[in-house]
Full PDB file with SEQRES, HELIX, SHEET, SSBOND, CRYST1, ORIGX, SCALE, CONECT and MASTER records, all heavy atoms in Angstrom:
SEQRES   1 A   34  SER VAL ALA SER ALA LYS GLY THR PRO ALA PHE ALA VAL          
SEQRES   2 A   34  TYR GLY ALA SER LYS ALA ALA ILE ARG ASN PHE VAL ARG          
SEQRES   3 A   34  ARG TRP THR VAL GLU LEU LYS HIS                              
HELIX    1 AA1 VAL A    2  SER A    4  5                                   3    
HELIX    2 AA2 ALA A   12  GLU A   31  1                                  20    
CRYST1    1.000    1.000    1.000  90.00  90.00  90.00 P 1           1          
ORIGX1      1.000000  0.000000  0.000000        0.00000                         
ORIGX2      0.000000  1.000000  0.000000        0.00000                         
ORIGX3      0.000000  0.000000  1.000000        0.00000                         
SCALE1      1.000000  0.000000  0.000000        0.00000                         
SCALE2      0.000000  1.000000  0.000000        0.00000                         
SCALE3      0.000000  0.000000  1.000000        0.00000                         
ATOM      1  N   SER A   1     -23.911 -71.138 -13.115  1.00  0.00           N  
ATOM      2  CA  SER A   1     -23.272 -71.738 -14.284  1.00  0.00           C  
ATOM      3  C   SER A   1     -24.137 -71.535 -15.496  1.00  0.00           C  
ATOM      4  O   SER A   1     -25.350 -71.379 -15.390  1.00  0.00           O  
ATOM      5  CB  SER A   1     -23.099 -73.265 -14.034  1.00  0.00           C  
ATOM      6  OG  SER A   1     -22.725 -73.925 -15.216  1.00  0.00           O  
ATOM      7  N   VAL A   2     -23.520 -71.569 -16.669  1.00  0.00           N  
ATOM      8  CA  VAL A   2     -24.281 -71.486 -17.903  1.00  0.00           C  
ATOM      9  C   VAL A   2     -25.261 -72.673 -17.995  1.00  0.00           C  
ATOM     10  O   VAL A   2     -26.256 -72.623 -18.689  1.00  0.00           O  
ATOM     11  CB  VAL A   2     -23.398 -71.460 -19.162  1.00  0.00           C  
ATOM     12  CG1 VAL A   2     -22.548 -70.214 -19.169  1.00  0.00           C  
ATOM     13  CG2 VAL A   2     -22.532 -72.678 -19.282  1.00  0.00           C  
ATOM     14  N   ALA A   3     -24.984 -73.724 -17.219  1.00  0.00           N  
ATOM     15  CA  ALA A   3     -25.887 -74.895 -17.212  1.00  0.00           C  
ATOM     16  C   ALA A   3     -27.243 -74.573 -16.688  1.00  0.00           C  
ATOM     17  O   ALA A   3     -28.212 -75.320 -16.938  1.00  0.00           O  
ATOM     18  CB  ALA A   3     -25.246 -76.007 -16.375  1.00  0.00           C  
ATOM     19  N   SER A   4     -27.420 -73.445 -16.008  1.00  0.00           N  
ATOM     20  CA  SER A   4     -28.749 -73.058 -15.513  1.00  0.00           C  
ATOM     21  C   SER A   4     -29.664 -72.659 -16.654  1.00  0.00           C  
ATOM     22  O   SER A   4     -30.882 -72.692 -16.519  1.00  0.00           O  
ATOM     23  CB  SER A   4     -28.640 -71.888 -14.543  1.00  0.00           C  
ATOM     24  OG  SER A   4     -28.285 -70.696 -15.224  1.00  0.00           O  
ATOM     25  N   ALA A   5     -29.078 -72.254 -17.775  1.00  0.00           N  
ATOM     26  CA  ALA A   5     -29.875 -71.742 -18.895  1.00  0.00           C  
ATOM     27  C   ALA A   5     -29.705 -72.565 -20.186  1.00  0.00           C  
ATOM     28  O   ALA A   5     -30.500 -72.425 -21.086  1.00  0.00           O  
ATOM     29  CB  ALA A   5     -29.491 -70.306 -19.176  1.00  0.00           C  
ATOM     30  N   LYS A   6     -28.689 -73.394 -20.244  1.00  0.00           N  
ATOM     31  CA  LYS A   6     -28.376 -74.114 -21.480  1.00  0.00           C  
ATOM     32  C   LYS A   6     -28.500 -75.597 -21.188  1.00  0.00           C  
ATOM     33  O   LYS A   6     -27.792 -76.125 -20.338  1.00  0.00           O  
ATOM     34  CB  LYS A   6     -26.965 -73.755 -21.926  1.00  0.00           C  
ATOM     35  CG  LYS A   6     -26.612 -74.279 -23.260  1.00  0.00           C  
ATOM     36  CD  LYS A   6     -25.881 -73.212 -24.012  1.00  0.00           C  
ATOM     37  CE  LYS A   6     -25.564 -73.626 -25.413  1.00  0.00           C  
ATOM     38  NZ  LYS A   6     -26.242 -72.838 -26.396  1.00  0.00           N  
ATOM     39  N   GLY A   7     -29.332 -76.265 -21.917  1.00  0.00           N  
ATOM     40  CA  GLY A   7     -29.454 -77.696 -21.767  1.00  0.00           C  
ATOM     41  C   GLY A   7     -28.234 -78.427 -22.277  1.00  0.00           C  
ATOM     42  O   GLY A   7     -27.863 -78.258 -23.451  1.00  0.00           O  
ATOM     43  N   THR A   8     -27.604 -79.197 -21.443  1.00  0.00           N  
ATOM     44  CA  THR A   8     -26.411 -79.922 -21.809  1.00  0.00           C  
ATOM     45  C   THR A   8     -26.603 -81.394 -21.488  1.00  0.00           C  
ATOM     46  O   THR A   8     -26.962 -81.720 -20.351  1.00  0.00           O  
ATOM     47  CB  THR A   8     -25.164 -79.379 -21.047  1.00  0.00           C  
ATOM     48  OG1 THR A   8     -25.068 -77.968 -21.289  1.00  0.00           O  
ATOM     49  CG2 THR A   8     -23.895 -80.078 -21.514  1.00  0.00           C  
ATOM     50  N   PRO A   9     -26.404 -82.286 -22.466  1.00  0.00           N  
ATOM     51  CA  PRO A   9     -26.588 -83.718 -22.190  1.00  0.00           C  
ATOM     52  C   PRO A   9     -25.783 -84.165 -20.964  1.00  0.00           C  
ATOM     53  O   PRO A   9     -24.642 -83.729 -20.781  1.00  0.00           O  
ATOM     54  CB  PRO A   9     -26.066 -84.382 -23.481  1.00  0.00           C  
ATOM     55  CG  PRO A   9     -26.224 -83.328 -24.541  1.00  0.00           C  
ATOM     56  CD  PRO A   9     -25.967 -82.010 -23.846  1.00  0.00           C  
ATOM     57  N   ALA A  10     -26.370 -84.975 -20.149  1.00  0.00           N  
ATOM     58  CA  ALA A  10     -25.768 -85.565 -18.941  1.00  0.00           C  
ATOM     59  C   ALA A  10     -25.580 -84.554 -17.811  1.00  0.00           C  
ATOM     60  O   ALA A  10     -24.931 -84.884 -16.818  1.00  0.00           O  
ATOM     61  CB  ALA A  10     -24.437 -86.251 -19.262  1.00  0.00           C  
ATOM     62  N   PHE A  11     -26.098 -83.332 -17.941  1.00  0.00           N  
ATOM     63  CA  PHE A  11     -25.936 -82.338 -16.897  1.00  0.00           C  
ATOM     64  C   PHE A  11     -27.292 -81.858 -16.355  1.00  0.00           C  
ATOM     65  O   PHE A  11     -27.384 -80.736 -15.845  1.00  0.00           O  
ATOM     66  CB  PHE A  11     -25.144 -81.148 -17.431  1.00  0.00           C  
ATOM     67  CG  PHE A  11     -23.651 -81.384 -17.486  1.00  0.00           C  
ATOM     68  CD1 PHE A  11     -23.080 -82.012 -18.543  1.00  0.00           C  
ATOM     69  CD2 PHE A  11     -22.843 -80.971 -16.428  1.00  0.00           C  
ATOM     70  CE1 PHE A  11     -21.703 -82.227 -18.595  1.00  0.00           C  
ATOM     71  CE2 PHE A  11     -21.479 -81.179 -16.453  1.00  0.00           C  
ATOM     72  CZ  PHE A  11     -20.902 -81.818 -17.560  1.00  0.00           C  
ATOM     73  N   ALA A  12     -28.334 -82.681 -16.446  1.00  0.00           N  
ATOM     74  CA  ALA A  12     -29.660 -82.230 -16.056  1.00  0.00           C  
ATOM     75  C   ALA A  12     -29.748 -81.867 -14.584  1.00  0.00           C  
ATOM     76  O   ALA A  12     -30.275 -80.820 -14.230  1.00  0.00           O  
ATOM     77  CB  ALA A  12     -30.690 -83.333 -16.404  1.00  0.00           C  
ATOM     78  N   VAL A  13     -29.212 -82.705 -13.711  1.00  0.00           N  
ATOM     79  CA  VAL A  13     -29.287 -82.433 -12.273  1.00  0.00           C  
ATOM     80  C   VAL A  13     -28.447 -81.222 -11.923  1.00  0.00           C  
ATOM     81  O   VAL A  13     -28.856 -80.341 -11.157  1.00  0.00           O  
ATOM     82  CB  VAL A  13     -28.892 -83.657 -11.454  1.00  0.00           C  
ATOM     83  CG1 VAL A  13     -28.816 -83.351  -9.977  1.00  0.00           C  
ATOM     84  CG2 VAL A  13     -29.890 -84.803 -11.713  1.00  0.00           C  
ATOM     85  N   TYR A  14     -27.266 -81.144 -12.498  1.00  0.00           N  
ATOM     86  CA  TYR A  14     -26.357 -79.994 -12.260  1.00  0.00           C  
ATOM     87  C   TYR A  14     -27.049 -78.706 -12.708  1.00  0.00           C  
ATOM     88  O   TYR A  14     -27.106 -77.719 -11.974  1.00  0.00           O  
ATOM     89  CB  TYR A  14     -25.037 -80.207 -12.948  1.00  0.00           C  
ATOM     90  CG  TYR A  14     -24.070 -79.056 -12.806  1.00  0.00           C  
ATOM     91  CD1 TYR A  14     -23.418 -78.831 -11.610  1.00  0.00           C  
ATOM     92  CD2 TYR A  14     -23.836 -78.160 -13.864  1.00  0.00           C  
ATOM     93  CE1 TYR A  14     -22.522 -77.782 -11.442  1.00  0.00           C  
ATOM     94  CE2 TYR A  14     -22.931 -77.111 -13.715  1.00  0.00           C  
ATOM     95  CZ  TYR A  14     -22.300 -76.928 -12.503  1.00  0.00           C  
ATOM     96  OH  TYR A  14     -21.411 -75.885 -12.356  1.00  0.00           O  
ATOM     97  N   GLY A  15     -27.606 -78.729 -13.926  1.00  0.00           N  
ATOM     98  CA  GLY A  15     -28.300 -77.566 -14.447  1.00  0.00           C  
ATOM     99  C   GLY A  15     -29.478 -77.163 -13.589  1.00  0.00           C  
ATOM    100  O   GLY A  15     -29.709 -75.967 -13.343  1.00  0.00           O  
ATOM    101  N   ALA A  16     -30.234 -78.138 -13.103  1.00  0.00           N  
ATOM    102  CA  ALA A  16     -31.393 -77.864 -12.267  1.00  0.00           C  
ATOM    103  C   ALA A  16     -30.928 -77.238 -10.945  1.00  0.00           C  
ATOM    104  O   ALA A  16     -31.594 -76.327 -10.422  1.00  0.00           O  
ATOM    105  CB  ALA A  16     -32.195 -79.118 -12.008  1.00  0.00           C  
ATOM    106  N   SER A  17     -29.827 -77.716 -10.407  1.00  0.00           N  
ATOM    107  CA  SER A  17     -29.343 -77.142  -9.152  1.00  0.00           C  
ATOM    108  C   SER A  17     -28.890 -75.691  -9.325  1.00  0.00           C  
ATOM    109  O   SER A  17     -29.096 -74.852  -8.460  1.00  0.00           O  
ATOM    110  CB  SER A  17     -28.217 -77.992  -8.557  1.00  0.00           C  
ATOM    111  OG  SER A  17     -27.014 -77.854  -9.327  1.00  0.00           O  
ATOM    112  N   LYS A  18     -28.314 -75.367 -10.480  1.00  0.00           N  
ATOM    113  CA  LYS A  18     -27.884 -73.991 -10.744  1.00  0.00           C  
ATOM    114  C   LYS A  18     -29.097 -73.107 -11.026  1.00  0.00           C  
ATOM    115  O   LYS A  18     -29.112 -71.931 -10.667  1.00  0.00           O  
ATOM    116  CB  LYS A  18     -26.871 -73.934 -11.891  1.00  0.00           C  
ATOM    117  CG  LYS A  18     -25.560 -74.630 -11.546  1.00  0.00           C  
ATOM    118  CD  LYS A  18     -24.947 -74.023 -10.295  1.00  0.00           C  
ATOM    119  CE  LYS A  18     -23.615 -74.656  -9.953  1.00  0.00           C  
ATOM    120  NZ  LYS A  18     -22.963 -74.023  -8.831  1.00  0.00           N  
ATOM    121  N   ALA A  19     -30.140 -73.635 -11.643  1.00  0.00           N  
ATOM    122  CA  ALA A  19     -31.387 -72.894 -11.832  1.00  0.00           C  
ATOM    123  C   ALA A  19     -32.031 -72.587 -10.464  1.00  0.00           C  
ATOM    124  O   ALA A  19     -32.624 -71.529 -10.258  1.00  0.00           O  
ATOM    125  CB  ALA A  19     -32.354 -73.615 -12.744  1.00  0.00           C  
ATOM    126  N   ALA A  20     -31.897 -73.519  -9.519  1.00  0.00           N  
ATOM    127  CA  ALA A  20     -32.427 -73.291  -8.172  1.00  0.00           C  
ATOM    128  C   ALA A  20     -31.668 -72.163  -7.498  1.00  0.00           C  
ATOM    129  O   ALA A  20     -32.287 -71.341  -6.800  1.00  0.00           O  
ATOM    130  CB  ALA A  20     -32.337 -74.563  -7.346  1.00  0.00           C  
ATOM    131  N   ILE A  21     -30.384 -72.085  -7.732  1.00  0.00           N  
ATOM    132  CA  ILE A  21     -29.565 -70.970  -7.165  1.00  0.00           C  
ATOM    133  C   ILE A  21     -30.118 -69.649  -7.692  1.00  0.00           C  
ATOM    134  O   ILE A  21     -30.297 -68.680  -6.939  1.00  0.00           O  
ATOM    135  CB  ILE A  21     -28.101 -71.134  -7.530  1.00  0.00           C  
ATOM    136  CG1 ILE A  21     -27.504 -72.396  -6.914  1.00  0.00           C  
ATOM    137  CG2 ILE A  21     -27.288 -69.886  -7.174  1.00  0.00           C  
ATOM    138  CD1 ILE A  21     -27.394 -72.393  -5.422  1.00  0.00           C  
ATOM    139  N   ARG A  22     -30.395 -69.592  -8.984  1.00  0.00           N  
ATOM    140  CA  ARG A  22     -30.977 -68.385  -9.579  1.00  0.00           C  
ATOM    141  C   ARG A  22     -32.292 -68.019  -8.931  1.00  0.00           C  
ATOM    142  O   ARG A  22     -32.580 -66.856  -8.626  1.00  0.00           O  
ATOM    143  CB  ARG A  22     -31.132 -68.550 -11.098  1.00  0.00           C  
ATOM    144  CG  ARG A  22     -31.683 -67.355 -11.801  1.00  0.00           C  
ATOM    145  CD  ARG A  22     -31.870 -67.578 -13.283  1.00  0.00           C  
ATOM    146  NE  ARG A  22     -32.854 -68.611 -13.516  1.00  0.00           N  
ATOM    147  CZ  ARG A  22     -32.697 -69.631 -14.351  1.00  0.00           C  
ATOM    148  NH1 ARG A  22     -31.615 -69.763 -15.054  1.00  0.00           N  
ATOM    149  NH2 ARG A  22     -33.660 -70.511 -14.517  1.00  0.00           N  
ATOM    150  N   ASN A  23     -33.111 -69.019  -8.662  1.00  0.00           N  
ATOM    151  CA  ASN A  23     -34.411 -68.794  -8.004  1.00  0.00           C  
ATOM    152  C   ASN A  23     -34.252 -68.276  -6.586  1.00  0.00           C  
ATOM    153  O   ASN A  23     -34.987 -67.383  -6.154  1.00  0.00           O  
ATOM    154  CB  ASN A  23     -35.256 -70.056  -8.077  1.00  0.00           C  
ATOM    155  CG  ASN A  23     -36.659 -69.769  -7.670  1.00  0.00           C  
ATOM    156  OD1 ASN A  23     -37.000 -69.745  -6.522  1.00  0.00           O  
ATOM    157  ND2 ASN A  23     -37.528 -69.562  -8.660  1.00  0.00           N  
ATOM    158  N   PHE A  24     -33.296 -68.839  -5.836  1.00  0.00           N  
ATOM    159  CA  PHE A  24     -33.011 -68.320  -4.486  1.00  0.00           C  
ATOM    160  C   PHE A  24     -32.705 -66.837  -4.526  1.00  0.00           C  
ATOM    161  O   PHE A  24     -33.221 -66.043  -3.755  1.00  0.00           O  
ATOM    162  CB  PHE A  24     -31.816 -69.037  -3.841  1.00  0.00           C  
ATOM    163  CG  PHE A  24     -32.045 -70.483  -3.431  1.00  0.00           C  
ATOM    164  CD1 PHE A  24     -30.967 -71.347  -3.358  1.00  0.00           C  
ATOM    165  CD2 PHE A  24     -33.316 -70.972  -3.127  1.00  0.00           C  
ATOM    166  CE1 PHE A  24     -31.148 -72.652  -2.977  1.00  0.00           C  
ATOM    167  CE2 PHE A  24     -33.485 -72.278  -2.732  1.00  0.00           C  
ATOM    168  CZ  PHE A  24     -32.405 -73.141  -2.645  1.00  0.00           C  
ATOM    169  N   VAL A  25     -31.833 -66.446  -5.460  1.00  0.00           N  
ATOM    170  CA  VAL A  25     -31.425 -65.057  -5.580  1.00  0.00           C  
ATOM    171  C   VAL A  25     -32.616 -64.143  -5.855  1.00  0.00           C  
ATOM    172  O   VAL A  25     -32.764 -63.078  -5.280  1.00  0.00           O  
ATOM    173  CB  VAL A  25     -30.337 -64.927  -6.654  1.00  0.00           C  
ATOM    174  CG1 VAL A  25     -30.187 -63.513  -7.142  1.00  0.00           C  
ATOM    175  CG2 VAL A  25     -28.998 -65.381  -6.056  1.00  0.00           C  
ATOM    176  N   ARG A  26     -33.486 -64.594  -6.743  1.00  0.00           N  
ATOM    177  CA  ARG A  26     -34.671 -63.771  -7.069  1.00  0.00           C  
ATOM    178  C   ARG A  26     -35.573 -63.650  -5.862  1.00  0.00           C  
ATOM    179  O   ARG A  26     -36.129 -62.583  -5.588  1.00  0.00           O  
ATOM    180  CB  ARG A  26     -35.377 -64.375  -8.271  1.00  0.00           C  
ATOM    181  CG  ARG A  26     -34.613 -64.175  -9.542  1.00  0.00           C  
ATOM    182  CD  ARG A  26     -35.273 -64.866 -10.707  1.00  0.00           C  
ATOM    183  NE  ARG A  26     -34.460 -64.582 -11.903  1.00  0.00           N  
ATOM    184  CZ  ARG A  26     -34.680 -65.198 -13.047  1.00  0.00           C  
ATOM    185  NH1 ARG A  26     -35.660 -66.071 -13.189  1.00  0.00           N  
ATOM    186  NH2 ARG A  26     -33.909 -64.930 -14.085  1.00  0.00           N  
ATOM    187  N   ARG A  27     -35.715 -64.721  -5.095  1.00  0.00           N  
ATOM    188  CA  ARG A  27     -36.559 -64.679  -3.897  1.00  0.00           C  
ATOM    189  C   ARG A  27     -35.944 -63.757  -2.862  1.00  0.00           C  
ATOM    190  O   ARG A  27     -36.629 -62.918  -2.248  1.00  0.00           O  
ATOM    191  CB  ARG A  27     -36.715 -66.097  -3.326  1.00  0.00           C  
ATOM    192  CG  ARG A  27     -37.712 -66.135  -2.188  1.00  0.00           C  
ATOM    193  CD  ARG A  27     -37.666 -67.412  -1.430  1.00  0.00           C  
ATOM    194  NE  ARG A  27     -36.571 -67.312  -0.481  1.00  0.00           N  
ATOM    195  CZ  ARG A  27     -35.940 -68.331   0.087  1.00  0.00           C  
ATOM    196  NH1 ARG A  27     -36.293 -69.567  -0.224  1.00  0.00           N  
ATOM    197  NH2 ARG A  27     -34.980 -68.139   0.947  1.00  0.00           N  
ATOM    198  N   TRP A  28     -34.614 -63.853  -2.631  1.00  0.00           N  
ATOM    199  CA  TRP A  28     -33.959 -63.006  -1.644  1.00  0.00           C  
ATOM    200  C   TRP A  28     -34.004 -61.559  -2.053  1.00  0.00           C  
ATOM    201  O   TRP A  28     -34.070 -60.655  -1.210  1.00  0.00           O  
ATOM    202  CB  TRP A  28     -32.519 -63.466  -1.395  1.00  0.00           C  
ATOM    203  CG  TRP A  28     -32.438 -64.764  -0.662  1.00  0.00           C  
ATOM    204  CD1 TRP A  28     -33.249 -65.192   0.342  1.00  0.00           C  
ATOM    205  CD2 TRP A  28     -31.485 -65.790  -0.861  1.00  0.00           C  
ATOM    206  NE1 TRP A  28     -32.868 -66.440   0.764  1.00  0.00           N  
ATOM    207  CE2 TRP A  28     -31.785 -66.849   0.052  1.00  0.00           C  
ATOM    208  CE3 TRP A  28     -30.408 -65.974  -1.726  1.00  0.00           C  
ATOM    209  CZ2 TRP A  28     -31.046 -68.001   0.127  1.00  0.00           C  
ATOM    210  CZ3 TRP A  28     -29.665 -67.133  -1.681  1.00  0.00           C  
ATOM    211  CH2 TRP A  28     -29.979 -68.148  -0.740  1.00  0.00           C  
ATOM    212  N   THR A  29     -33.978 -61.272  -3.349  1.00  0.00           N  
ATOM    213  CA  THR A  29     -34.080 -59.875  -3.811  1.00  0.00           C  
ATOM    214  C   THR A  29     -35.339 -59.243  -3.276  1.00  0.00           C  
ATOM    215  O   THR A  29     -35.327 -58.098  -2.786  1.00  0.00           O  
ATOM    216  CB  THR A  29     -34.058 -59.865  -5.347  1.00  0.00           C  
ATOM    217  OG1 THR A  29     -32.790 -60.321  -5.791  1.00  0.00           O  
ATOM    218  CG2 THR A  29     -34.311 -58.476  -5.893  1.00  0.00           C  
ATOM    219  N   VAL A  30     -36.431 -59.985  -3.301  1.00  0.00           N  
ATOM    220  CA  VAL A  30     -37.708 -59.456  -2.818  1.00  0.00           C  
ATOM    221  C   VAL A  30     -37.761 -59.462  -1.261  1.00  0.00           C  
ATOM    222  O   VAL A  30     -38.151 -58.503  -0.637  1.00  0.00           O  
ATOM    223  CB  VAL A  30     -38.890 -60.281  -3.373  1.00  0.00           C  
ATOM    224  CG1 VAL A  30     -40.216 -59.852  -2.795  1.00  0.00           C  
ATOM    225  CG2 VAL A  30     -38.931 -60.130  -4.923  1.00  0.00           C  
ATOM    226  N   GLU A  31     -37.316 -60.550  -0.696  1.00  0.00           N  
ATOM    227  CA  GLU A  31     -37.434 -60.716   0.780  1.00  0.00           C  
ATOM    228  C   GLU A  31     -36.486 -59.788   1.535  1.00  0.00           C  
ATOM    229  O   GLU A  31     -36.788 -59.446   2.699  1.00  0.00           O  
ATOM    230  CB  GLU A  31     -37.142 -62.172   1.153  1.00  0.00           C  
ATOM    231  CG  GLU A  31     -38.233 -63.127   0.736  1.00  0.00           C  
ATOM    232  CD  GLU A  31     -37.919 -64.562   1.124  1.00  0.00           C  
ATOM    233  OE1 GLU A  31     -36.828 -64.852   1.615  1.00  0.00           O  
ATOM    234  OE2 GLU A  31     -38.803 -65.417   0.922  1.00  0.00           O  
ATOM    235  N   LEU A  32     -35.349 -59.399   0.954  1.00  0.00           N  
ATOM    236  CA  LEU A  32     -34.356 -58.616   1.682  1.00  0.00           C  
ATOM    237  C   LEU A  32     -34.338 -57.143   1.283  1.00  0.00           C  
ATOM    238  O   LEU A  32     -33.467 -56.409   1.698  1.00  0.00           O  
ATOM    239  CB  LEU A  32     -32.969 -59.235   1.480  1.00  0.00           C  
ATOM    240  CG  LEU A  32     -32.835 -60.668   1.984  1.00  0.00           C  
ATOM    241  CD1 LEU A  32     -31.483 -61.256   1.604  1.00  0.00           C  
ATOM    242  CD2 LEU A  32     -33.024 -60.742   3.502  1.00  0.00           C  
ATOM    243  N   LYS A  33     -35.333 -56.725   0.502  1.00  0.00           N  
ATOM    244  CA  LYS A  33     -35.313 -55.341   0.037  1.00  0.00           C  
ATOM    245  C   LYS A  33     -35.377 -54.342   1.183  1.00  0.00           C  
ATOM    246  O   LYS A  33     -34.786 -53.291   1.109  1.00  0.00           O  
ATOM    247  CB  LYS A  33     -36.423 -55.096  -0.986  1.00  0.00           C  
ATOM    248  CG  LYS A  33     -37.822 -55.184  -0.400  1.00  0.00           C  
ATOM    249  CD  LYS A  33     -38.865 -54.975  -1.498  1.00  0.00           C  
ATOM    250  CE  LYS A  33     -40.257 -55.119  -0.898  1.00  0.00           C  
ATOM    251  NZ  LYS A  33     -41.246 -55.010  -1.930  1.00  0.00           N  
ATOM    252  N   HIS A  34     -36.045 -54.704   2.266  1.00  0.00           N  
ATOM    253  CA  HIS A  34     -36.124 -53.791   3.423  1.00  0.00           C  
ATOM    254  C   HIS A  34     -34.766 -53.557   4.073  1.00  0.00           C  
ATOM    255  O   HIS A  34     -34.551 -52.590   4.748  1.00  0.00           O  
ATOM    256  CB  HIS A  34     -37.152 -54.284   4.435  1.00  0.00           C  
ATOM    257  CG  HIS A  34     -36.754 -55.569   5.099  1.00  0.00           C  
ATOM    258  ND1 HIS A  34     -36.835 -56.800   4.470  1.00  0.00           N  
ATOM    259  CD2 HIS A  34     -36.209 -55.807   6.322  1.00  0.00           C  
ATOM    260  CE1 HIS A  34     -36.392 -57.756   5.272  1.00  0.00           C  
ATOM    261  NE2 HIS A  34     -36.015 -57.204   6.405  1.00  0.00           N  
TER     262      HIS A  34                                                      
MASTER        0    0    0    2    0    0    0    6  261    1    0    3          
END                                                                             
């Protein structure tokens, strides 16, 4: 969601959860390259 990158009032937890999704993807990019 755009909430991962854009601070929106009352959406802090939602935004943080979407930022975590982005972090999972970056981690899997490295871990699954083989």
